[in-house]
Each structure stands twice: as structure tokens, then as C-alpha cells.
Amino acid sequence: MAPYDALLLVSFGGPEKPDDVMPFLENVTLGRGIPRERLEEVSHHYLALGGVSPINEQCRDLLAALRVELGNRAIDLPVYWGNRNWDPFLAPELARMHADGHQRVLAIATSAYASYSGCRQYREDLARAVGEANLKDVLAVDKVRHYFDHPGFIEAFADGLAAALADPAIARRPSGETALLFTTHSIPIAMAETSGPPARRAEFGVGGAYVAQHMAAIDCVVADVERRGVSVPPWSLVYQSRSGSPHTPWLEPDINHALRDFAPAVRAVVIVPIGFVSDHVEVVWDLDHEARETCEQLGLAMVRVATPGTHPAFVRGIADLVADRIRETPGAALSPLGPWPEICAAGCCPNLRTRLATLAGED
């Protein structure tokens, strides 16, 4: 018997029209005590883009590319798609999968790194969706490992960085005038410090597995680009998209603060959204609007690298992860941290507010 009979792409979700925006944001922040004023502020980011998040169309494109890649490899598994926070929601999609005759599902999250919001919350939502669909004892769900250092993920960013460094706005400048910023989603420091398996936390250091994985991914991208004979400027890891209480410590520095700190010494910046899989609203708004506006105020030329999206190497990488899980082999990884375990350990990336049931790993 094959270990899986269907695949499920699990994503964050996003509004498809202006009337969806506030209900979507309420779903995202349910139970977190986020003030209404903050939701209204964020809603303007979506409304400025027509009230439509790019993430859903990007998921459709990724699904189409993945189906072609799996077909080319003769991996005969249907691919479904369910979101955590907007239609198509996970519970009805899991019910549809079961109605189609599937019993063993392998989930692929559009999140490459370890943290509560980047992994365990997906596993909680899968468990809740299985319960809502009354499939607790009849539908098994596993999840592919974190792929922050997988060759396909790394190659997509390396291609983008090499192209950015060759852009005339960067290449024509003397050495030392360009800053290189890798950016990811800021999370509460307490969430970062508890990310990853408890038994390995001493290994990760400050920021837990979340920061350690990002640093490892950056090292891999830089090494790839340098192997191509391209000189890479000194780099920094910065953060974006902070939300929540201002009294809660979050990972810093914010990208806009970092840009102001760099401005006296440099005249250009390359920004690599290393923490993201696709160019969704947070990437587009926080980087292409807010960070670019900061750069314009400071007189900095700015080049932003694309996220993996449907880059052929990334699509091949996802198919590799599926094939590895089917064959029960560890697969490829480019950093000393990987390949990351397929099964999340007990206590990994805990929910610091309340304990909830999970799937696809140990509780």
C-alpha cells in the first residue's frame, strides 16, 4: 500500500474582494485581542491593492506547476488546496478529499521555517479541520518537513540575488555602497526562543530554530551566488510585518529602521524576502510600498528580489520533498541543520497561550 493517496497544499489564505477583507482579518486574529483600529489599519493595505490578496492566485499557479511536475515524474497523486483563514477552508477541502476516496494525506505548507505561527499553528488548524469534518478516525494527515535549506528553495533565491546584484542600479556602484538585507516576518521573541525541538534549543542559540534556520538559509544563498563568481556585499537579517501589542518584545531590527541606520554609509540596497514563499500582501505592501518609500526618502536605490513563487527550482523542490516522503528517505539539505526531521517532536514550537490538539507530529 502506498503511504499517501493525496496531497494537500496548506496556505494562509487571503481575501478575493473588498468585502472579504475585514472578515478575513478577523479570522486571522481571532482570540488574539487585536484592537479593531489595528485591523482597520491593516485593511487599508489590502484595499489599496483592490481588496484582493495575491496569495490565492499564487497558490493556484503553484498548484498548476506542481501538478505538471508530479505528472512528469509519474507521481500519481491528486493535489488539493486548503487555507487556514479564507476560502477554500481546510475543513470542507478535507471533507471533499475524503468524499473522493482518500484516506492518507500528505500536507505541504507554504511556510519553510519552524515557529508556532509557521508550523504548529498549521498543525493545530489541520487537527481542528479534521474534527469539524468528522474525519478524526478515518483521515490521516502528515506534513512535509521544513524546507528552509532545501536546494530548490535556495536556488530560487540565489537566482534572484545574482540577478539583483547585476542590476545596473547596483552593479554600477563602487564596492561598499550597497547594503544587502535579508528580511523575514518578525515574531514575538518568546515564540522565537521556543521554536524547534526542545532537545536542540541549546544548539540554536538566541532566537531559537526560527532565527537559526534563517541564518542557515542565508548562508546557503550567499554561498550559491559566490560560487557563480558574483561578489556578495555584507548582509544583515532584518524583520518586517510586526503586529500585536507594542508591549510584547518582537524580533528586531525592523527593516525601515535598518534602512535608516545604513543610509549614511550606503547609496543602494538589495532586499531579499528570505522568509517568504510567495509575493503576498505583506511582502508587496511592506517592501514594495513602505520600504521603497523609506528608500526614496533616504535617497537609496532599491532592488527587491522575488520570492520563490513558481520558480522551476522551487517547484522541483516541492516535488522532491513529496518523493522523499513517499520513499521514506531523508532527502537533500544544504545546511548543517538539515535535513530537518519529518516528524515534529513533542514540545516543538509550542502554543504559549493554550494547549491545542495537533496533527502531523507529536504533541
Protein backbone atom coordinates (compact mmCIF):
# COMPACT_ATOMS: atom_id res chain seq x y z
CA MET A 1 0.00 0.00 0.00
CA ALA A 2 1.36 3.46 -0.93
CA PRO A 3 1.98 5.71 2.09
CA TYR A 4 -0.21 8.52 0.70
CA ASP A 5 -3.08 8.78 -1.74
CA ALA A 6 -3.43 12.58 -1.99
CA LEU A 7 -1.55 15.84 -1.42
CA LEU A 8 -2.87 18.98 0.25
CA LEU A 9 -1.32 22.42 -0.24
CA VAL A 10 -1.98 24.31 3.01
CA SER A 11 -1.73 28.08 2.82
CA PHE A 12 -2.61 31.17 4.84
CA GLY A 13 -5.44 32.39 2.64
CA GLY A 14 -6.47 35.89 1.65
CA PRO A 15 -9.46 37.97 0.58
CA GLU A 16 -10.72 37.80 -3.00
CA LYS A 17 -12.73 41.07 -2.96
CA PRO A 18 -13.03 44.21 -0.78
CA ASP A 19 -15.97 42.85 1.24
CA ASP A 20 -13.80 39.90 2.29
CA VAL A 21 -11.06 41.99 3.85
CA MET A 22 -12.36 42.63 7.38
CA PRO A 23 -13.90 39.14 7.85
CA PHE A 24 -10.57 37.67 6.71
CA LEU A 25 -8.57 39.78 9.17
CA GLU A 26 -11.00 38.83 11.95
CA ASN A 27 -10.37 35.16 11.15
CA VAL A 28 -6.59 35.70 11.23
CA THR A 29 -6.63 37.47 14.61
CA LEU A 30 -9.42 35.51 16.32
CA GLY A 31 -8.71 35.21 20.05
CA ARG A 32 -5.60 37.41 19.98
CA GLY A 33 -7.17 40.60 21.30
CA ILE A 34 -6.01 42.76 18.38
CA PRO A 35 -7.73 46.18 18.56
CA ARG A 36 -10.29 46.96 15.88
CA GLU A 37 -8.28 50.05 14.93
CA ARG A 38 -5.27 47.88 14.09
CA LEU A 39 -7.41 45.65 11.85
CA GLU A 40 -8.76 48.71 10.06
CA GLU A 41 -5.22 49.99 9.56
CA VAL A 42 -4.12 46.68 8.02
CA SER A 43 -7.29 46.51 5.92
CA HIS A 44 -6.12 49.60 4.04
CA HIS A 45 -3.10 47.63 2.79
CA TYR A 46 -5.45 45.12 1.17
CA LEU A 47 -7.88 47.76 -0.09
CA ALA A 48 -5.03 49.68 -1.70
CA LEU A 49 -4.42 46.53 -3.75
CA GLY A 50 -8.08 46.31 -4.78
CA GLY A 51 -9.16 44.22 -1.79
CA VAL A 52 -7.65 41.11 -3.36
CA SER A 53 -4.69 39.30 -1.84
CA PRO A 54 -2.24 37.95 -4.43
CA ILE A 55 -1.73 34.80 -2.35
CA ASN A 56 -4.71 32.86 -3.67
CA GLU A 57 -3.78 33.32 -7.33
CA GLN A 58 -0.21 32.42 -6.43
CA CYS A 59 -1.43 29.21 -4.83
CA ARG A 60 -3.41 28.37 -7.97
CA ASP A 61 -0.31 28.94 -10.07
CA LEU A 62 1.80 26.80 -7.73
CA LEU A 63 -0.80 24.02 -7.82
CA ALA A 64 -0.80 24.04 -11.63
CA ALA A 65 3.01 23.92 -11.79
CA LEU A 66 3.22 21.21 -9.15
CA ARG A 67 0.68 19.01 -10.95
CA VAL A 68 2.76 19.22 -14.11
CA GLU A 69 5.99 18.40 -12.25
CA LEU A 70 4.45 15.44 -10.43
CA GLY A 71 2.99 14.19 -13.71
CA ASN A 72 6.39 14.38 -15.35
CA ARG A 73 7.72 12.16 -12.56
CA ALA A 74 4.81 9.71 -12.79
CA ILE A 75 3.82 10.52 -9.19
CA ASP A 76 0.11 9.84 -9.44
CA LEU A 77 -1.27 11.84 -6.51
CA PRO A 78 -4.11 14.37 -6.83
CA VAL A 79 -3.29 17.77 -5.34
CA TYR A 80 -5.88 19.69 -3.31
CA TRP A 81 -5.69 23.12 -1.71
CA GLY A 82 -6.99 24.38 1.64
CA ASN A 83 -6.47 27.65 3.53
CA ARG A 84 -6.27 28.35 7.21
CA ASN A 85 -8.07 31.71 7.13
CA TRP A 86 -10.17 32.02 3.96
CA ASP A 87 -11.92 30.06 1.27
CA PRO A 88 -11.14 27.33 0.34
CA PHE A 89 -11.10 26.49 4.05
CA LEU A 90 -9.40 23.37 5.32
CA ALA A 91 -12.41 21.51 6.76
CA PRO A 92 -14.55 21.44 3.58
CA GLU A 93 -11.48 20.64 1.49
CA LEU A 94 -10.60 17.68 3.74
CA ALA A 95 -14.23 16.55 3.54
CA ARG A 96 -14.01 16.74 -0.26
CA MET A 97 -10.81 14.70 -0.23
CA HIS A 98 -12.45 12.01 1.88
CA ALA A 99 -15.54 12.01 -0.34
CA ASP A 100 -13.20 11.45 -3.29
CA GLY A 101 -11.97 8.30 -1.59
CA HIS A 102 -8.74 9.47 0.04
CA GLN A 103 -7.58 8.33 3.47
CA ARG A 104 -3.85 9.19 3.73
CA VAL A 105 -2.96 12.81 3.04
CA LEU A 106 0.43 14.49 2.83
CA ALA A 107 0.25 18.23 3.53
CA ILE A 108 2.64 20.83 2.09
CA ALA A 109 2.64 24.13 3.98
CA THR A 110 3.57 27.41 2.30
CA SER A 111 5.90 28.08 5.22
CA ALA A 112 9.54 27.00 5.21
CA TYR A 113 10.60 27.66 8.81
CA ALA A 114 9.97 26.47 12.37
CA SER A 115 7.89 28.61 14.71
CA TYR A 116 4.48 28.42 16.31
CA SER A 117 2.87 30.57 13.60
CA GLY A 118 4.92 28.93 10.84
CA CYS A 119 4.37 25.28 11.76
CA ARG A 120 2.48 24.24 14.89
CA GLN A 121 -0.43 26.59 14.15
CA TYR A 122 -0.80 24.88 10.77
CA ARG A 123 -0.87 21.55 12.59
CA GLU A 124 -3.48 22.85 15.05
CA ASP A 125 -5.65 24.10 12.20
CA LEU A 126 -5.38 20.74 10.45
CA ALA A 127 -6.47 18.96 13.63
CA ARG A 128 -9.40 21.32 14.10
CA ALA A 129 -10.42 20.94 10.45
CA VAL A 130 -10.35 17.14 10.67
CA GLY A 131 -12.61 17.39 13.73
CA GLU A 132 -15.00 19.84 12.06
CA ALA A 133 -15.27 17.49 9.08
CA ASN A 134 -15.93 14.49 11.40
CA LEU A 135 -12.91 12.68 9.95
CA LYS A 136 -10.86 12.14 13.10
CA ASP A 137 -10.65 8.36 12.84
CA VAL A 138 -10.83 7.98 9.07
CA LEU A 139 -8.40 10.53 7.56
CA ALA A 140 -4.68 10.52 8.36
CA VAL A 141 -2.67 13.69 7.68
CA ASP A 142 1.12 14.08 7.67
CA LYS A 143 3.20 17.13 6.71
CA VAL A 144 6.44 17.51 4.75
CA ARG A 145 9.45 18.76 6.68
CA HIS A 146 10.71 22.33 6.86
CA TYR A 147 12.48 23.15 3.62
CA PHE A 148 14.43 26.31 4.52
CA ASP A 149 17.69 24.71 3.32
CA HIS A 150 16.35 22.55 0.51
CA PRO A 151 18.24 23.08 -2.79
CA GLY A 152 15.08 24.15 -4.64
CA PHE A 153 14.20 26.85 -2.12
CA ILE A 154 17.80 28.11 -2.02
CA GLU A 155 18.31 28.11 -5.80
CA ALA A 156 15.26 30.29 -6.36
CA PHE A 157 16.60 32.98 -4.03
CA ALA A 158 20.17 32.63 -5.34
CA ASP A 159 18.97 33.22 -8.91
CA GLY A 160 17.11 36.31 -7.74
CA LEU A 161 20.03 37.68 -5.73
CA ALA A 162 22.52 37.14 -8.56
CA ALA A 163 20.20 38.99 -10.94
CA ALA A 164 19.69 41.83 -8.44
CA LEU A 165 23.43 42.31 -7.98
CA ALA A 166 23.78 42.53 -11.76
CA ASP A 167 21.06 45.20 -11.98
CA PRO A 168 22.58 48.48 -13.25
CA ALA A 169 21.25 50.31 -10.19
CA ILE A 170 23.54 48.09 -8.11
CA ALA A 171 26.32 46.90 -10.42
CA ARG A 172 27.44 50.40 -11.47
CA ARG A 173 28.10 51.48 -7.90
CA PRO A 174 31.51 51.26 -6.25
CA SER A 175 32.13 48.44 -3.78
CA GLY A 176 30.86 49.33 -0.34
CA GLU A 177 27.93 51.49 -1.47
CA THR A 178 25.37 48.66 -1.42
CA ALA A 179 23.69 47.09 1.60
CA LEU A 180 22.17 43.60 1.40
CA LEU A 181 19.17 42.97 3.65
CA PHE A 182 17.52 39.59 4.07
CA THR A 183 14.08 40.07 5.58
CA THR A 184 11.54 37.81 7.25
CA HIS A 185 8.38 38.08 9.31
CA SER A 186 9.02 39.34 12.82
CA ILE A 187 7.56 37.19 15.59
CA PRO A 188 7.46 37.60 19.39
CA ILE A 189 10.84 36.86 20.94
CA ALA A 190 9.24 34.27 23.24
CA MET A 191 7.88 32.45 20.18
CA ALA A 192 11.29 32.53 18.51
CA GLU A 193 13.15 31.30 21.59
CA THR A 194 10.85 28.27 21.92
CA SER A 195 10.88 27.35 18.23
CA GLY A 196 12.27 23.96 17.26
CA PRO A 197 12.60 20.70 19.20
CA PRO A 198 13.25 21.26 22.93
CA ALA A 199 16.22 18.87 22.88
CA ARG A 200 18.04 21.06 20.32
CA ARG A 201 17.35 24.56 21.68
CA ALA A 202 20.82 24.95 23.17
CA GLU A 203 22.22 24.28 19.70
CA PHE A 204 20.21 27.07 18.09
CA GLY A 205 21.18 29.94 20.38
CA VAL A 206 19.41 33.30 20.55
CA GLY A 207 16.20 33.30 18.53
CA GLY A 208 15.77 29.53 18.60
CA ALA A 209 15.32 27.43 15.48
CA TYR A 210 13.47 30.26 13.74
CA VAL A 211 16.48 32.56 13.61
CA ALA A 212 18.99 29.71 13.22
CA GLN A 213 17.14 28.36 10.17
CA HIS A 214 17.03 31.79 8.55
CA MET A 215 20.74 32.31 9.13
CA ALA A 216 21.44 28.88 7.66
CA ALA A 217 19.29 29.63 4.60
CA ILE A 218 21.07 32.94 4.05
CA ASP A 219 24.47 31.25 4.28
CA CYS A 220 23.34 28.78 1.63
CA VAL A 221 22.05 31.50 -0.71
CA VAL A 222 25.21 33.57 -0.36
CA ALA A 223 27.42 30.54 -0.96
CA ASP A 224 25.44 29.64 -4.09
CA VAL A 225 25.81 33.15 -5.52
CA GLU A 226 29.52 33.35 -4.70
CA ARG A 227 30.10 30.02 -6.44
CA ARG A 228 28.84 31.75 -9.58
CA GLY A 229 31.69 34.23 -9.31
CA VAL A 230 29.47 37.05 -8.04
CA SER A 231 30.71 39.24 -5.19
CA VAL A 232 28.11 39.48 -2.41
CA PRO A 233 28.04 42.57 -0.14
CA PRO A 234 27.99 42.19 3.65
CA TRP A 235 24.48 41.26 4.71
CA SER A 236 22.08 41.58 7.64
CA LEU A 237 18.92 39.76 8.72
CA VAL A 238 16.08 42.19 9.42
CA TYR A 239 12.38 41.86 10.15
CA GLN A 240 9.05 43.16 8.90
CA SER A 241 5.28 42.91 9.38
CA ARG A 242 5.22 43.21 13.15
CA SER A 243 1.74 43.15 14.71
CA GLY A 244 0.26 42.67 18.18
CA SER A 245 0.78 44.54 21.43
CA PRO A 246 3.55 47.17 21.42
CA HIS A 247 4.45 45.96 24.93
CA THR A 248 5.41 42.48 23.68
CA PRO A 249 9.06 42.19 22.58
CA TRP A 250 9.38 41.11 18.93
CA LEU A 251 12.41 40.29 16.82
CA GLU A 252 14.26 43.38 15.58
CA PRO A 253 15.52 45.42 13.80
CA ASP A 254 12.59 46.44 11.64
CA ILE A 255 13.63 46.83 8.02
CA ASN A 256 12.76 50.52 7.89
CA HIS A 257 14.85 51.24 10.98
CA ALA A 258 17.71 49.27 9.46
CA LEU A 259 17.49 51.25 6.23
CA ARG A 260 17.82 54.50 8.16
CA ASP A 261 20.83 53.13 10.02
CA PHE A 262 22.52 52.11 6.76
CA ALA A 263 21.66 55.27 4.81
CA PRO A 264 24.59 57.47 5.81
CA ALA A 265 27.09 54.86 4.61
CA VAL A 266 25.44 53.33 1.52
CA ARG A 267 23.58 54.54 -1.54
CA ALA A 268 21.75 51.39 -2.63
CA VAL A 269 20.08 48.36 -1.08
CA VAL A 270 19.14 44.87 -2.24
CA ILE A 271 16.27 43.33 -0.29
CA VAL A 272 15.74 39.56 -0.25
CA PRO A 273 12.46 38.34 1.38
CA ILE A 274 14.10 35.12 2.55
CA GLY A 275 11.31 34.30 4.99
CA PHE A 276 8.51 34.09 2.41
CA VAL A 277 7.38 31.62 -0.24
CA SER A 278 5.29 33.99 -2.38
CA ASP A 279 4.75 37.70 -3.03
CA HIS A 280 1.63 38.06 -0.90
CA VAL A 281 0.28 41.28 0.65
CA GLU A 282 2.82 41.54 3.47
CA VAL A 283 5.68 41.24 1.00
CA VAL A 284 4.15 43.63 -1.53
CA TRP A 285 2.98 46.24 0.97
CA ASP A 286 5.82 46.16 3.49
CA LEU A 287 8.60 46.03 0.91
CA ASP A 288 7.32 47.44 -2.39
CA HIS A 289 5.42 50.26 -0.68
CA GLU A 290 6.72 51.04 2.81
CA ALA A 291 10.39 50.04 2.45
CA ARG A 292 10.58 51.60 -1.02
CA GLU A 293 9.10 54.82 0.34
CA THR A 294 11.75 54.81 3.08
CA CYS A 295 14.46 54.27 0.47
CA GLU A 296 13.14 57.17 -1.62
CA GLN A 297 13.17 59.44 1.43
CA LEU A 298 16.78 58.44 2.13
CA GLY A 299 17.91 58.66 -1.48
CA LEU A 300 18.68 54.94 -1.69
CA ALA A 301 18.33 52.94 -4.88
CA MET A 302 16.39 49.75 -4.09
CA VAL A 303 16.17 46.39 -5.84
CA ARG A 304 13.87 43.75 -4.38
CA VAL A 305 14.35 40.04 -5.09
CA ALA A 306 11.24 37.96 -5.82
CA THR A 307 10.08 35.14 -3.58
CA PRO A 308 10.24 31.56 -4.96
CA GLY A 309 6.61 31.55 -6.18
CA THR A 310 6.60 29.18 -9.14
CA HIS A 311 10.33 29.31 -9.84
CA PRO A 312 11.10 25.97 -11.55
CA ALA A 313 13.70 25.02 -8.92
CA PHE A 314 11.20 25.61 -6.11
CA VAL A 315 8.51 23.55 -7.83
CA ARG A 316 11.02 20.75 -8.37
CA GLY A 317 12.00 21.09 -4.73
CA ILE A 318 8.44 20.56 -3.51
CA ALA A 319 8.13 17.50 -5.74
CA ASP A 320 11.43 16.26 -4.26
CA LEU A 321 10.02 16.64 -0.74
CA VAL A 322 6.96 14.61 -1.72
CA ALA A 323 9.07 11.91 -3.38
CA ASP A 324 11.39 11.73 -0.37
CA ARG A 325 8.45 11.26 1.97
CA ILE A 326 6.96 8.55 -0.23
CA ARG A 327 10.30 6.71 -0.32
CA GLU A 328 10.92 7.42 3.38
CA THR A 329 14.35 8.89 2.61
CA PRO A 330 15.82 11.98 4.34
CA GLY A 331 16.36 13.90 1.12
CA ALA A 332 18.63 16.83 0.32
CA ALA A 333 19.62 19.72 2.57
CA LEU A 334 22.36 22.31 2.14
CA SER A 335 22.98 23.40 5.73
CA PRO A 336 24.32 21.62 8.83
CA LEU A 337 20.86 21.99 10.40
CA GLY A 338 19.21 19.70 7.88
CA PRO A 339 17.60 17.71 6.61
CA TRP A 340 15.03 18.70 9.20
CA PRO A 341 13.08 15.82 10.79
CA GLU A 342 9.90 14.78 9.01
CA ILE A 343 8.02 14.45 12.32
CA CYS A 344 7.75 17.44 14.68
CA ALA A 345 8.90 16.47 18.18
CA ALA A 346 6.79 16.81 21.30
CA GLY A 347 7.00 20.36 22.62
CA CYS A 348 8.27 21.71 19.30
CA CYS A 349 7.20 25.33 18.63
CA PRO A 350 4.66 25.33 21.50
CA ASN A 351 1.48 27.37 21.67
CA LEU A 352 2.36 29.76 24.50
CA ARG A 353 -1.28 30.80 25.08
CA THR A 354 -3.11 27.50 25.30
CA ARG A 355 -2.57 23.84 24.50
CA LEU A 356 -4.48 22.61 21.45
CA ALA A 357 -4.56 19.29 19.63
CA THR A 358 -2.33 18.88 16.58
CA LEU A 359 -1.84 16.55 13.64
CA ALA A 360 1.25 15.59 11.65
CA GLY A 361 3.64 15.27 14.57
CA GLU A 362 3.98 14.55 18.26
CA ASP A 363 2.04 16.76 20.69
